[in-house]
Amino acid sequence: MGTPIHTLLVHFPIALLIFGVIFQFVALWKKESFNKMALYLFGSGFVMGIASYMTGDSAIPDAREKWGQAVHSMVETHEHYALITMAIFGAVLFFKLLARFKPYKWIMPLVLVLCIAGQPRWL
């Protein structure tokens, strides 16, 4: 297998988390089924994000081969934004799980703000 595992895994959390955000906003009008699906998407996206993050070092030699030594600063920036994204969606997952047990009114607005904050700037 010539492709680093990180390159294969990284697309899953991106798609799962984006669809989680979409379902979370749809849940404003169609409550329970979309809200539950958003929780599942955030949970699986977060787990896949951790797996992607942990396999990130496997992609460095391939990137260095393509772009040379300048890749070091790109990797650091990429890793920095990956950590920020995982922290935001880890908080989203935490608050959604908390809302299932203690439905405080302030949780859903906070989740929506975090969902917006966690989206890439190119969307």
C-alpha atoms as a PDB file:
ATOM      1  CA  MET A   1       0.000   0.000   0.000  1.00  0.00           C
ATOM      2  CA  GLY A   2       1.736   3.160  -1.200  1.00  0.00           C
ATOM      3  CA  THR A   3      -0.591   5.739   0.360  1.00  0.00           C
ATOM      4  CA  PRO A   4      -0.005   6.673   4.025  1.00  0.00           C
ATOM      5  CA  ILE A   5      -2.907   5.650   6.281  1.00  0.00           C
ATOM      6  CA  HIS A   6      -3.383   9.268   7.399  1.00  0.00           C
ATOM      7  CA  THR A   7      -4.203  10.312   3.862  1.00  0.00           C
ATOM      8  CA  LEU A   8      -6.907   7.648   3.720  1.00  0.00           C
ATOM      9  CA  LEU A   9      -8.394   8.307   7.169  1.00  0.00           C
ATOM     10  CA  VAL A  10      -8.452  12.103   7.224  1.00  0.00           C
ATOM     11  CA  HIS A  11     -11.454  12.419   4.901  1.00  0.00           C
ATOM     12  CA  PHE A  12     -13.775  10.542   7.256  1.00  0.00           C
ATOM     13  CA  PRO A  13     -13.744  12.997  10.183  1.00  0.00           C
ATOM     14  CA  ILE A  14     -14.037  15.927   7.784  1.00  0.00           C
ATOM     15  CA  ALA A  15     -17.182  14.506   6.179  1.00  0.00           C
ATOM     16  CA  LEU A  16     -18.689  13.179   9.417  1.00  0.00           C
ATOM     17  CA  LEU A  17     -18.229  16.454  11.295  1.00  0.00           C
ATOM     18  CA  ILE A  18     -19.549  18.588   8.437  1.00  0.00           C
ATOM     19  CA  PHE A  19     -22.643  16.405   8.160  1.00  0.00           C
ATOM     20  CA  GLY A  20     -22.973  16.517  11.956  1.00  0.00           C
ATOM     21  CA  VAL A  21     -23.143  20.307  11.790  1.00  0.00           C
ATOM     22  CA  ILE A  22     -25.724  20.171   8.993  1.00  0.00           C
ATOM     23  CA  PHE A  23     -27.874  17.707  10.944  1.00  0.00           C
ATOM     24  CA  GLN A  24     -27.520  19.810  14.096  1.00  0.00           C
ATOM     25  CA  PHE A  25     -28.925  22.850  12.323  1.00  0.00           C
ATOM     26  CA  VAL A  26     -31.720  20.817  10.708  1.00  0.00           C
ATOM     27  CA  ALA A  27     -32.534  19.564  14.228  1.00  0.00           C
ATOM     28  CA  LEU A  28     -33.667  23.105  15.070  1.00  0.00           C
ATOM     29  CA  TRP A  29     -36.828  22.359  13.052  1.00  0.00           C
ATOM     30  CA  LYS A  30     -37.042  18.564  13.058  1.00  0.00           C
ATOM     31  CA  LYS A  31     -35.991  17.722  16.567  1.00  0.00           C
ATOM     32  CA  GLU A  32     -35.319  14.230  17.767  1.00  0.00           C
ATOM     33  CA  SER A  33     -34.173  12.094  14.841  1.00  0.00           C
ATOM     34  CA  PHE A  34     -31.819  14.750  13.422  1.00  0.00           C
ATOM     35  CA  ASN A  35     -30.534  15.651  16.876  1.00  0.00           C
ATOM     36  CA  LYS A  36     -29.750  11.994  17.609  1.00  0.00           C
ATOM     37  CA  MET A  37     -28.094  11.535  14.214  1.00  0.00           C
ATOM     38  CA  ALA A  38     -25.981  14.659  14.800  1.00  0.00           C
ATOM     39  CA  LEU A  39     -24.770  13.102  18.065  1.00  0.00           C
ATOM     40  CA  TYR A  40     -23.773   9.899  16.246  1.00  0.00           C
ATOM     41  CA  LEU A  41     -22.019  11.868  13.502  1.00  0.00           C
ATOM     42  CA  PHE A  42     -20.118  14.004  16.025  1.00  0.00           C
ATOM     43  CA  GLY A  43     -19.126  10.909  18.005  1.00  0.00           C
ATOM     44  CA  SER A  44     -17.886   8.943  15.010  1.00  0.00           C
ATOM     45  CA  GLY A  45     -16.242  12.035  13.505  1.00  0.00           C
ATOM     46  CA  PHE A  46     -14.416  12.712  16.763  1.00  0.00           C
ATOM     47  CA  VAL A  47     -13.166   9.116  17.031  1.00  0.00           C
ATOM     48  CA  MET A  48     -12.034   9.138  13.390  1.00  0.00           C
ATOM     49  CA  GLY A  49     -10.406  12.530  13.988  1.00  0.00           C
ATOM     50  CA  ILE A  50      -8.344  11.071  16.817  1.00  0.00           C
ATOM     51  CA  ALA A  51      -7.308   8.167  14.577  1.00  0.00           C
ATOM     52  CA  SER A  52      -6.390  10.590  11.795  1.00  0.00           C
ATOM     53  CA  TYR A  53      -4.406  12.780  14.161  1.00  0.00           C
ATOM     54  CA  MET A  54      -2.502   9.820  15.563  1.00  0.00           C
ATOM     55  CA  THR A  55      -1.539   8.620  12.077  1.00  0.00           C
ATOM     56  CA  GLY A  56      -0.455  12.071  10.892  1.00  0.00           C
ATOM     57  CA  ASP A  57       3.254  11.360  11.275  1.00  0.00           C
ATOM     58  CA  SER A  58       2.956   8.581   8.696  1.00  0.00           C
ATOM     59  CA  ALA A  59       2.226  11.156   5.982  1.00  0.00           C
ATOM     60  CA  ILE A  60       5.275  13.355   6.663  1.00  0.00           C
ATOM     61  CA  PRO A  61       7.813  11.368   4.580  1.00  0.00           C
ATOM     62  CA  ASP A  62       5.443  11.349   1.607  1.00  0.00           C
ATOM     63  CA  ALA A  63       4.820  15.093   1.969  1.00  0.00           C
ATOM     64  CA  ARG A  64       8.542  15.790   2.325  1.00  0.00           C
ATOM     65  CA  GLU A  65       9.163  13.824  -0.878  1.00  0.00           C
ATOM     66  CA  LYS A  66       6.622  15.974  -2.750  1.00  0.00           C
ATOM     67  CA  TRP A  67       7.366  19.418  -1.277  1.00  0.00           C
ATOM     68  CA  GLY A  68      10.859  19.194   0.215  1.00  0.00           C
ATOM     69  CA  GLN A  69      11.978  20.552   3.572  1.00  0.00           C
ATOM     70  CA  ALA A  70       9.476  23.452   3.450  1.00  0.00           C
ATOM     71  CA  VAL A  71       6.862  20.957   4.520  1.00  0.00           C
ATOM     72  CA  HIS A  72       7.851  21.333   8.198  1.00  0.00           C
ATOM     73  CA  SER A  73       6.001  24.635   8.696  1.00  0.00           C
ATOM     74  CA  MET A  74       3.002  23.357   6.723  1.00  0.00           C
ATOM     75  CA  VAL A  75       2.814  20.247   8.900  1.00  0.00           C
ATOM     76  CA  GLU A  76       2.971  22.340  12.073  1.00  0.00           C
ATOM     77  CA  THR A  77       0.153  24.596  10.843  1.00  0.00           C
ATOM     78  CA  HIS A  78      -1.908  21.596   9.747  1.00  0.00           C
ATOM     79  CA  GLU A  79      -1.390  19.905  13.109  1.00  0.00           C
ATOM     80  CA  HIS A  80      -2.264  23.106  14.984  1.00  0.00           C
ATOM     81  CA  TYR A  81      -5.592  23.485  13.176  1.00  0.00           C
ATOM     82  CA  ALA A  82      -6.331  19.782  13.572  1.00  0.00           C
ATOM     83  CA  LEU A  83      -5.931  20.119  17.353  1.00  0.00           C
ATOM     84  CA  ILE A  84      -8.179  23.186  17.450  1.00  0.00           C
ATOM     85  CA  THR A  85     -10.831  21.402  15.393  1.00  0.00           C
ATOM     86  CA  MET A  86     -10.688  18.308  17.592  1.00  0.00           C
ATOM     87  CA  ALA A  87     -10.936  20.431  20.752  1.00  0.00           C
ATOM     88  CA  ILE A  88     -13.991  22.274  19.413  1.00  0.00           C
ATOM     89  CA  PHE A  89     -15.782  19.126  18.305  1.00  0.00           C
ATOM     90  CA  GLY A  90     -14.742  17.313  21.483  1.00  0.00           C
ATOM     91  CA  ALA A  91     -16.553  20.105  23.354  1.00  0.00           C
ATOM     92  CA  VAL A  92     -19.553  19.760  21.009  1.00  0.00           C
ATOM     93  CA  LEU A  93     -19.689  16.032  21.713  1.00  0.00           C
ATOM     94  CA  PHE A  94     -19.341  16.607  25.468  1.00  0.00           C
ATOM     95  CA  PHE A  95     -22.167  19.166  25.563  1.00  0.00           C
ATOM     96  CA  LYS A  96     -24.442  17.044  23.384  1.00  0.00           C
ATOM     97  CA  LEU A  97     -23.917  14.073  25.701  1.00  0.00           C
ATOM     98  CA  LEU A  98     -24.513  16.320  28.706  1.00  0.00           C
ATOM     99  CA  ALA A  99     -27.755  17.558  27.125  1.00  0.00           C
ATOM    100  CA  ARG A 100     -29.020  13.973  26.871  1.00  0.00           C
ATOM    101  CA  PHE A 101     -28.789  13.622  30.657  1.00  0.00           C
ATOM    102  CA  LYS A 102     -29.262  17.221  31.852  1.00  0.00           C
ATOM    103  CA  PRO A 103     -31.190  19.246  29.247  1.00  0.00           C
ATOM    104  CA  TYR A 104     -30.056  22.732  30.244  1.00  0.00           C
ATOM    105  CA  LYS A 105     -31.411  25.484  27.981  1.00  0.00           C
ATOM    106  CA  TRP A 106     -27.989  27.057  27.405  1.00  0.00           C
ATOM    107  CA  ILE A 107     -26.421  23.919  25.919  1.00  0.00           C
ATOM    108  CA  MET A 108     -27.964  23.944  22.432  1.00  0.00           C
ATOM    109  CA  PRO A 109     -27.081  27.586  21.645  1.00  0.00           C
ATOM    110  CA  LEU A 110     -23.534  26.848  22.811  1.00  0.00           C
ATOM    111  CA  VAL A 111     -23.397  23.722  20.616  1.00  0.00           C
ATOM    112  CA  LEU A 112     -24.541  25.745  17.601  1.00  0.00           C
ATOM    113  CA  VAL A 113     -21.896  28.423  18.207  1.00  0.00           C
ATOM    114  CA  LEU A 114     -19.209  25.747  18.563  1.00  0.00           C
ATOM    115  CA  CYS A 115     -20.440  24.076  15.357  1.00  0.00           C
ATOM    116  CA  ILE A 116     -19.984  27.333  13.471  1.00  0.00           C
ATOM    117  CA  ALA A 117     -16.576  27.941  15.079  1.00  0.00           C
ATOM    118  CA  GLY A 118     -15.385  24.462  14.122  1.00  0.00           C
ATOM    119  CA  GLN A 119     -16.146  24.766  10.423  1.00  0.00           C
ATOM    120  CA  PRO A 120     -13.330  25.376   7.984  1.00  0.00           C
ATOM    121  CA  ARG A 121     -13.130  28.912   6.682  1.00  0.00           C
ATOM    122  CA  TRP A 122     -13.593  27.798   3.071  1.00  0.00           C
ATOM    123  CA  LEU A 123     -17.188  26.628   3.598  1.00  0.00           C
END
